[in-house]
PDB file of all heavy atoms in Angstrom:
ATOM      1  N   ILE A   1     111.984 111.444 106.497  1.00  0.00           N
ATOM      2  CA  ILE A   1     113.109 112.076 107.120  1.00  0.00           C
ATOM      3  C   ILE A   1     113.797 111.026 108.043  1.00  0.00           C
ATOM      4  O   ILE A   1     113.143 110.388 108.878  1.00  0.00           O
ATOM      5  CB  ILE A   1     112.649 113.308 108.095  1.00  0.00           C
ATOM      6  CG1 ILE A   1     111.939 114.402 107.188  1.00  0.00           C
ATOM      7  CG2 ILE A   1     113.752 113.833 108.814  1.00  0.00           C
ATOM      8  CD1 ILE A   1     111.421 115.530 107.942  1.00  0.00           C
ATOM      9  N   PRO A   2     115.125 110.824 107.794  1.00  0.00           N
ATOM     10  CA  PRO A   2     115.871 109.818 108.579  1.00  0.00           C
ATOM     11  C   PRO A   2     115.766 110.255 110.093  1.00  0.00           C
ATOM     12  O   PRO A   2     115.505 111.336 110.458  1.00  0.00           O
ATOM     13  CB  PRO A   2     117.233 109.881 108.027  1.00  0.00           C
ATOM     14  CG  PRO A   2     117.089 110.430 106.659  1.00  0.00           C
ATOM     15  CD  PRO A   2     115.926 111.429 106.759  1.00  0.00           C
ATOM     16  N   GLU A   3     116.165 109.188 110.933  1.00  0.00           N
ATOM     17  CA  GLU A   3     116.096 109.429 112.388  1.00  0.00           C
ATOM     18  C   GLU A   3     117.191 110.520 112.824  1.00  0.00           C
ATOM     19  O   GLU A   3     116.904 111.216 113.724  1.00  0.00           O
ATOM     20  CB  GLU A   3     116.518 108.079 113.132  1.00  0.00           C
ATOM     21  CG  GLU A   3     115.402 106.995 112.903  1.00  0.00           C
ATOM     22  CD  GLU A   3     115.779 105.708 113.572  1.00  0.00           C
ATOM     23  OE1 GLU A   3     116.805 105.762 114.181  1.00  0.00           O
ATOM     24  OE2 GLU A   3     114.967 104.762 113.438  1.00  0.00           O
ATOM     25  N   ALA A   4     118.274 110.525 112.124  1.00  0.00           N
ATOM     26  CA  ALA A   4     119.312 111.581 112.416  1.00  0.00           C
ATOM     27  C   ALA A   4     118.929 112.930 111.987  1.00  0.00           C
ATOM     28  O   ALA A   4     119.644 113.863 112.309  1.00  0.00           O
ATOM     29  CB  ALA A   4     120.659 111.068 111.936  1.00  0.00           C
ATOM     30  N   GLY A   5     117.925 113.094 111.192  1.00  0.00           N
ATOM     31  CA  GLY A   5     117.515 114.354 110.682  1.00  0.00           C
ATOM     32  C   GLY A   5     117.761 114.396 109.132  1.00  0.00           C
ATOM     33  O   GLY A   5     118.408 113.444 108.545  1.00  0.00           O
ATOM     34  N   PRO A   6     117.208 115.401 108.482  1.00  0.00           N
ATOM     35  CA  PRO A   6     117.348 115.428 107.037  1.00  0.00           C
ATOM     36  C   PRO A   6     118.822 115.646 106.603  1.00  0.00           C
ATOM     37  O   PRO A   6     119.437 116.539 107.059  1.00  0.00           O
ATOM     38  CB  PRO A   6     116.468 116.680 106.648  1.00  0.00           C
ATOM     39  CG  PRO A   6     116.342 117.461 107.879  1.00  0.00           C
ATOM     40  CD  PRO A   6     116.380 116.511 109.029  1.00  0.00           C
ATOM     41  N   PRO A   7     119.350 114.747 105.746  1.00  0.00           N
ATOM     42  CA  PRO A   7     120.679 114.947 105.299  1.00  0.00           C
ATOM     43  C   PRO A   7     120.861 116.288 104.483  1.00  0.00           C
ATOM     44  O   PRO A   7     120.075 116.611 103.711  1.00  0.00           O
ATOM     45  CB  PRO A   7     120.969 113.758 104.350  1.00  0.00           C
ATOM     46  CG  PRO A   7     119.634 113.358 103.929  1.00  0.00           C
ATOM     47  CD  PRO A   7     118.694 113.669 105.082  1.00  0.00           C
ATOM     48  N   LYS A   8     121.939 117.000 104.833  1.00  0.00           N
ATOM     49  CA  LYS A   8     122.169 118.285 104.342  1.00  0.00           C
ATOM     50  C   LYS A   8     122.769 118.206 102.830  1.00  0.00           C
ATOM     51  O   LYS A   8     122.458 119.014 101.963  1.00  0.00           O
ATOM     52  CB  LYS A   8     123.059 119.143 105.130  1.00  0.00           C
ATOM     53  CG  LYS A   8     122.507 119.509 106.536  1.00  0.00           C
ATOM     54  CD  LYS A   8     123.484 120.251 107.304  1.00  0.00           C
ATOM     55  CE  LYS A   8     122.935 120.511 108.743  1.00  0.00           C
ATOM     56  NZ  LYS A   8     123.779 121.363 109.576  1.00  0.00           N
ATOM     57  N   GLU A   9     123.593 117.211 102.620  1.00  0.00           N
ATOM     58  CA  GLU A   9     124.246 117.095 101.364  1.00  0.00           C
ATOM     59  C   GLU A   9     124.641 115.568 101.098  1.00  0.00           C
ATOM     60  O   GLU A   9     125.057 114.910 102.033  1.00  0.00           O
ATOM     61  CB  GLU A   9     125.513 117.906 101.370  1.00  0.00           C
ATOM     62  CG  GLU A   9     126.098 118.241  99.991  1.00  0.00           C
ATOM     63  CD  GLU A   9     127.165 119.351 100.069  1.00  0.00           C
ATOM     64  OE1 GLU A   9     126.768 120.488 100.365  1.00  0.00           O
ATOM     65  OE2 GLU A   9     128.336 118.953  99.841  1.00  0.00           O
ATOM     66  N   VAL A  10     124.401 115.111  99.940  1.00  0.00           N
ATOM     67  CA  VAL A  10     124.579 113.737  99.582  1.00  0.00           C
ATOM     68  C   VAL A  10     125.356 113.608  98.291  1.00  0.00           C
ATOM     69  O   VAL A  10     125.270 114.503  97.428  1.00  0.00           O
ATOM     70  CB  VAL A  10     123.310 112.843  99.578  1.00  0.00           C
ATOM     71  CG1 VAL A  10     122.675 112.838 100.922  1.00  0.00           C
ATOM     72  CG2 VAL A  10     122.375 113.460  98.530  1.00  0.00           C
ATOM     73  N   ARG A  11     126.024 112.495  98.037  1.00  0.00           N
ATOM     74  CA  ARG A  11     126.698 112.154  96.815  1.00  0.00           C
ATOM     75  C   ARG A  11     125.907 110.991  96.190  1.00  0.00           C
ATOM     76  O   ARG A  11     125.817 109.888  96.764  1.00  0.00           O
ATOM     77  CB  ARG A  11     128.140 111.797  97.069  1.00  0.00           C
ATOM     78  CG  ARG A  11     128.915 111.499  95.750  1.00  0.00           C
ATOM     79  CD  ARG A  11     130.395 111.289  96.082  1.00  0.00           C
ATOM     80  NE  ARG A  11     130.573 110.177  97.021  1.00  0.00           N
ATOM     81  CZ  ARG A  11     131.493 110.207  97.996  1.00  0.00           C
ATOM     82  NH1 ARG A  11     132.302 111.191  98.224  1.00  0.00           N
ATOM     83  NH2 ARG A  11     131.573 109.134  98.819  1.00  0.00           N
ATOM     84  N   VAL A  12     125.435 111.119  94.915  1.00  0.00           N
ATOM     85  CA  VAL A  12     124.590 110.202  94.270  1.00  0.00           C
ATOM     86  C   VAL A  12     125.223 109.825  92.933  1.00  0.00           C
ATOM     87  O   VAL A  12     125.519 110.736  92.109  1.00  0.00           O
ATOM     88  CB  VAL A  12     123.178 110.709  94.083  1.00  0.00           C
ATOM     89  CG1 VAL A  12     122.306 109.641  93.441  1.00  0.00           C
ATOM     90  CG2 VAL A  12     122.531 111.184  95.410  1.00  0.00           C
ATOM     91  N   ARG A  13     125.365 108.460  92.670  1.00  0.00           N
ATOM     92  CA  ARG A  13     125.835 107.981  91.409  1.00  0.00           C
ATOM     93  C   ARG A  13     124.645 107.825  90.479  1.00  0.00           C
ATOM     94  O   ARG A  13     123.584 107.352  90.820  1.00  0.00           O
ATOM     95  CB  ARG A  13     126.471 106.648  91.546  1.00  0.00           C
ATOM     96  CG  ARG A  13     127.680 106.573  92.462  1.00  0.00           C
ATOM     97  CD  ARG A  13     128.429 105.282  92.403  1.00  0.00           C
ATOM     98  NE  ARG A  13     127.514 104.188  92.691  1.00  0.00           N
ATOM     99  CZ  ARG A  13     127.276 103.695  93.918  1.00  0.00           C
ATOM    100  NH1 ARG A  13     127.845 104.203  94.966  1.00  0.00           N
ATOM    101  NH2 ARG A  13     126.520 102.630  94.097  1.00  0.00           N
ATOM    102  N   VAL A  14     124.841 108.391  89.309  1.00  0.00           N
ATOM    103  CA  VAL A  14     123.800 108.406  88.290  1.00  0.00           C
ATOM    104  C   VAL A  14     124.390 107.952  86.905  1.00  0.00           C
ATOM    105  O   VAL A  14     125.600 107.933  86.800  1.00  0.00           O
ATOM    106  CB  VAL A  14     123.160 109.787  88.065  1.00  0.00           C
ATOM    107  CG1 VAL A  14     122.485 110.289  89.347  1.00  0.00           C
ATOM    108  CG2 VAL A  14     124.206 110.828  87.609  1.00  0.00           C
ATOM    109  N   GLY A  15     123.540 107.452  86.079  1.00  0.00           N
ATOM    110  CA  GLY A  15     123.939 107.008  84.752  1.00  0.00           C
ATOM    111  C   GLY A  15     124.248 108.139  83.775  1.00  0.00           C
ATOM    112  O   GLY A  15     124.018 109.305  84.061  1.00  0.00           O
ATOM    113  N   LYS A  16     124.776 107.748  82.596  1.00  0.00           N
ATOM    114  CA  LYS A  16     125.087 108.658  81.625  1.00  0.00           C
ATOM    115  C   LYS A  16     123.813 109.335  81.046  1.00  0.00           C
ATOM    116  O   LYS A  16     123.821 110.326  80.310  1.00  0.00           O
ATOM    117  CB  LYS A  16     125.901 108.062  80.523  1.00  0.00           C
ATOM    118  CG  LYS A  16     127.243 107.575  80.962  1.00  0.00           C
ATOM    119  CD  LYS A  16     128.120 108.734  81.418  1.00  0.00           C
ATOM    120  CE  LYS A  16     129.506 108.296  81.782  1.00  0.00           C
ATOM    121  NZ  LYS A  16     130.315 109.377  82.288  1.00  0.00           N
ATOM    122  N   ALA A  17     122.655 108.725  81.351  1.00  0.00           N
ATOM    123  CA  ALA A  17     121.366 109.330  80.941  1.00  0.00           C
ATOM    124  C   ALA A  17     121.121 110.681  81.576  1.00  0.00           C
ATOM    125  O   ALA A  17     120.252 111.484  81.118  1.00  0.00           O
ATOM    126  CB  ALA A  17     120.193 108.434  81.231  1.00  0.00           C
ATOM    127  N   TYR A  18     121.898 111.015  82.728  1.00  0.00           N
ATOM    128  CA  TYR A  18     121.730 112.213  83.346  1.00  0.00           C
ATOM    129  C   TYR A  18     122.743 113.219  82.842  1.00  0.00           C
ATOM    130  O   TYR A  18     123.176 114.228  83.521  1.00  0.00           O
ATOM    131  CB  TYR A  18     122.005 112.039  84.859  1.00  0.00           C
ATOM    132  CG  TYR A  18     120.828 111.303  85.569  1.00  0.00           C
ATOM    133  CD1 TYR A  18     120.735 109.930  85.378  1.00  0.00           C
ATOM    134  CD2 TYR A  18     120.060 111.950  86.480  1.00  0.00           C
ATOM    135  CE1 TYR A  18     119.775 109.213  86.043  1.00  0.00           C
ATOM    136  CE2 TYR A  18     119.046 111.237  87.152  1.00  0.00           C
ATOM    137  CZ  TYR A  18     118.857 109.901  86.894  1.00  0.00           C
ATOM    138  OH  TYR A  18     117.854 109.165  87.547  1.00  0.00           O
ATOM    139  N   SER A  19     123.130 113.096  81.565  1.00  0.00           N
ATOM    140  CA  SER A  19     124.179 113.975  81.034  1.00  0.00           C
ATOM    141  C   SER A  19     123.646 115.376  80.816  1.00  0.00           C
ATOM    142  O   SER A  19     124.397 116.341  80.666  1.00  0.00           O
ATOM    143  CB  SER A  19     124.668 113.455  79.660  1.00  0.00           C
ATOM    144  OG  SER A  19     123.552 113.354  78.844  1.00  0.00           O
ATOM    145  N   ASP A  20     122.304 115.603  80.879  1.00  0.00           N
ATOM    146  CA  ASP A  20     121.720 116.936  80.741  1.00  0.00           C
ATOM    147  C   ASP A  20     121.817 117.735  81.973  1.00  0.00           C
ATOM    148  O   ASP A  20     121.513 118.895  82.044  1.00  0.00           O
ATOM    149  CB  ASP A  20     120.297 116.842  80.262  1.00  0.00           C
ATOM    150  CG  ASP A  20     119.382 116.114  81.281  1.00  0.00           C
ATOM    151  OD1 ASP A  20     119.904 115.012  81.721  1.00  0.00           O
ATOM    152  OD2 ASP A  20     118.347 116.588  81.646  1.00  0.00           O
ATOM    153  N   VAL A  21     122.148 117.101  83.134  1.00  0.00           N
ATOM    154  CA  VAL A  21     122.258 117.722  84.452  1.00  0.00           C
ATOM    155  C   VAL A  21     123.519 118.557  84.537  1.00  0.00           C
ATOM    156  O   VAL A  21     124.662 117.957  84.256  1.00  0.00           O
ATOM    157  CB  VAL A  21     122.122 116.707  85.576  1.00  0.00           C
ATOM    158  CG1 VAL A  21     122.300 117.462  86.961  1.00  0.00           C
ATOM    159  CG2 VAL A  21     120.775 115.994  85.511  1.00  0.00           C
ATOM    160  N   SER A  22     123.492 119.726  85.012  1.00  0.00           N
ATOM    161  CA  SER A  22     124.700 120.547  85.151  1.00  0.00           C
ATOM    162  C   SER A  22     124.620 121.226  86.523  1.00  0.00           C
ATOM    163  O   SER A  22     123.595 121.267  87.221  1.00  0.00           O
ATOM    164  CB  SER A  22     124.894 121.617  84.049  1.00  0.00           C
ATOM    165  OG  SER A  22     123.720 122.460  84.025  1.00  0.00           O
ATOM    166  N   ILE A  23     125.747 121.871  86.904  1.00  0.00           N
ATOM    167  CA  ILE A  23     125.786 122.485  88.208  1.00  0.00           C
ATOM    168  C   ILE A  23     124.795 123.690  88.308  1.00  0.00           C
ATOM    169  O   ILE A  23     124.710 124.466  87.369  1.00  0.00           O
ATOM    170  CB  ILE A  23     127.213 123.080  88.476  1.00  0.00           C
ATOM    171  CG1 ILE A  23     128.146 121.873  88.611  1.00  0.00           C
ATOM    172  CG2 ILE A  23     127.279 123.954  89.696  1.00  0.00           C
ATOM    173  CD1 ILE A  23     129.620 122.390  88.784  1.00  0.00           C
ATOM    174  N   GLY A  24     124.051 123.742  89.366  1.00  0.00           N
ATOM    175  CA  GLY A  24     123.002 124.796  89.495  1.00  0.00           C
ATOM    176  C   GLY A  24     121.604 124.302  89.211  1.00  0.00           C
ATOM    177  O   GLY A  24     120.669 125.083  89.409  1.00  0.00           O
ATOM    178  N   ASP A  25     121.445 123.163  88.633  1.00  0.00           N
ATOM    179  CA  ASP A  25     120.121 122.611  88.279  1.00  0.00           C
ATOM    180  C   ASP A  25     119.367 122.097  89.493  1.00  0.00           C
ATOM    181  O   ASP A  25     119.922 121.399  90.314  1.00  0.00           O
ATOM    182  CB  ASP A  25     120.238 121.468  87.238  1.00  0.00           C
ATOM    183  CG  ASP A  25     120.724 122.013  85.817  1.00  0.00           C
ATOM    184  OD1 ASP A  25     120.646 123.224  85.614  1.00  0.00           O
ATOM    185  OD2 ASP A  25     121.038 121.185  85.018  1.00  0.00           O
ATOM    186  N   PRO A  26     118.063 122.324  89.559  1.00  0.00           N
ATOM    187  CA  PRO A  26     117.315 121.631  90.571  1.00  0.00           C
ATOM    188  C   PRO A  26     117.037 120.217  90.133  1.00  0.00           C
ATOM    189  O   PRO A  26     116.957 120.032  88.918  1.00  0.00           O
ATOM    190  CB  PRO A  26     116.026 122.512  90.626  1.00  0.00           C
ATOM    191  CG  PRO A  26     115.854 123.051  89.232  1.00  0.00           C
ATOM    192  CD  PRO A  26     117.275 123.353  88.768  1.00  0.00           C
ATOM    193  N   ILE A  27     116.975 119.331  90.999  1.00  0.00           N
ATOM    194  CA  ILE A  27     116.814 117.909  90.713  1.00  0.00           C
ATOM    195  C   ILE A  27     115.964 117.206  91.790  1.00  0.00           C
ATOM    196  O   ILE A  27     116.055 117.515  92.968  1.00  0.00           O
ATOM    197  CB  ILE A  27     118.162 117.260  90.490  1.00  0.00           C
ATOM    198  CG1 ILE A  27     118.027 115.876  89.835  1.00  0.00           C
ATOM    199  CG2 ILE A  27     118.914 117.122  91.827  1.00  0.00           C
ATOM    200  CD1 ILE A  27     119.299 115.274  89.390  1.00  0.00           C
ATOM    201  N   GLY A  28     115.155 116.220  91.330  1.00  0.00           N
ATOM    202  CA  GLY A  28     114.447 115.389  92.227  1.00  0.00           C
ATOM    203  C   GLY A  28     114.777 113.959  91.899  1.00  0.00           C
ATOM    204  O   GLY A  28     114.832 113.511  90.781  1.00  0.00           O
ATOM    205  N   LEU A  29     115.087 113.203  92.955  1.00  0.00           N
ATOM    206  CA  LEU A  29     115.534 111.775  92.751  1.00  0.00           C
ATOM    207  C   LEU A  29     115.000 110.884  93.803  1.00  0.00           C
ATOM    208  O   LEU A  29     114.755 111.271  94.976  1.00  0.00           O
ATOM    209  CB  LEU A  29     117.082 111.741  92.904  1.00  0.00           C
ATOM    210  CG  LEU A  29     117.967 112.369  91.909  1.00  0.00           C
ATOM    211  CD1 LEU A  29     119.493 112.244  92.232  1.00  0.00           C
ATOM    212  CD2 LEU A  29     117.774 111.664  90.550  1.00  0.00           C
ATOM    213  N   ASN A  30     114.655 109.687  93.440  1.00  0.00           N
ATOM    214  CA  ASN A  30     114.466 108.548  94.326  1.00  0.00           C
ATOM    215  C   ASN A  30     115.771 107.825  94.323  1.00  0.00           C
ATOM    216  O   ASN A  30     116.248 107.294  93.261  1.00  0.00           O
ATOM    217  CB  ASN A  30     113.320 107.675  93.813  1.00  0.00           C
ATOM    218  CG  ASN A  30     111.921 108.459  93.942  1.00  0.00           C
ATOM    219  OD1 ASN A  30     111.596 108.973  94.956  1.00  0.00           O
ATOM    220  ND2 ASN A  30     111.219 108.427  92.868  1.00  0.00           N
ATOM    221  N   ALA A  31     116.331 107.651  95.519  1.00  0.00           N
ATOM    222  CA  ALA A  31     117.662 107.068  95.577  1.00  0.00           C
ATOM    223  C   ALA A  31     117.849 106.142  96.765  1.00  0.00           C
ATOM    224  O   ALA A  31     117.106 106.221  97.740  1.00  0.00           O
ATOM    225  CB  ALA A  31     118.766 108.190  95.596  1.00  0.00           C
ATOM    226  N   VAL A  32     118.768 105.193  96.623  1.00  0.00           N
ATOM    227  CA  VAL A  32     119.197 104.377  97.766  1.00  0.00           C
ATOM    228  C   VAL A  32     120.416 105.025  98.370  1.00  0.00           C
ATOM    229  O   VAL A  32     121.465 105.024  97.596  1.00  0.00           O
ATOM    230  CB  VAL A  32     119.273 102.910  97.341  1.00  0.00           C
ATOM    231  CG1 VAL A  32     119.830 102.073  98.507  1.00  0.00           C
ATOM    232  CG2 VAL A  32     118.033 102.342  96.854  1.00  0.00           C
ATOM    233  N   LEU A  33     120.448 105.425  99.511  1.00  0.00           N
ATOM    234  CA  LEU A  33     121.585 105.995 100.226  1.00  0.00           C
ATOM    235  C   LEU A  33     122.058 105.248 101.380  1.00  0.00           C
ATOM    236  O   LEU A  33     121.259 104.614 102.131  1.00  0.00           O
ATOM    237  CB  LEU A  33     121.234 107.396 100.632  1.00  0.00           C
ATOM    238  CG  LEU A  33     120.823 108.465  99.535  1.00  0.00           C
ATOM    239  CD1 LEU A  33     120.445 109.765 100.147  1.00  0.00           C
ATOM    240  CD2 LEU A  33     121.953 108.629  98.566  1.00  0.00           C
ATOM    241  N   SER A  34     123.334 105.203 101.578  1.00  0.00           N
ATOM    242  CA  SER A  34     124.056 104.489 102.655  1.00  0.00           C
ATOM    243  C   SER A  34     124.952 105.361 103.422  1.00  0.00           C
ATOM    244  O   SER A  34     125.381 106.375 102.907  1.00  0.00           O
ATOM    245  CB  SER A  34     124.772 103.263 102.059  1.00  0.00           C
ATOM    246  OG  SER A  34     123.958 102.418 101.281  1.00  0.00           O
ATOM    247  N   PRO A  35     125.367 104.939 104.604  1.00  0.00           N
ATOM    248  CA  PRO A  35     126.383 105.690 105.367  1.00  0.00           C
ATOM    249  C   PRO A  35     127.669 105.579 104.650  1.00  0.00           C
ATOM    250  O   PRO A  35     127.913 104.666 103.846  1.00  0.00           O
ATOM    251  CB  PRO A  35     126.462 104.951 106.697  1.00  0.00           C
ATOM    252  CG  PRO A  35     125.254 104.171 106.803  1.00  0.00           C
ATOM    253  CD  PRO A  35     124.788 103.835 105.469  1.00  0.00           C
TER     254      PRO A  35
END
């Protein structure tokens, strides 16, 4: 959990390999996030 608290919503760039993901799907990711 970041110092500012858990982020409520994030924008993540993914590759075309994630073409099976659609709106409403649950997803788990390891990601590098920046301000």
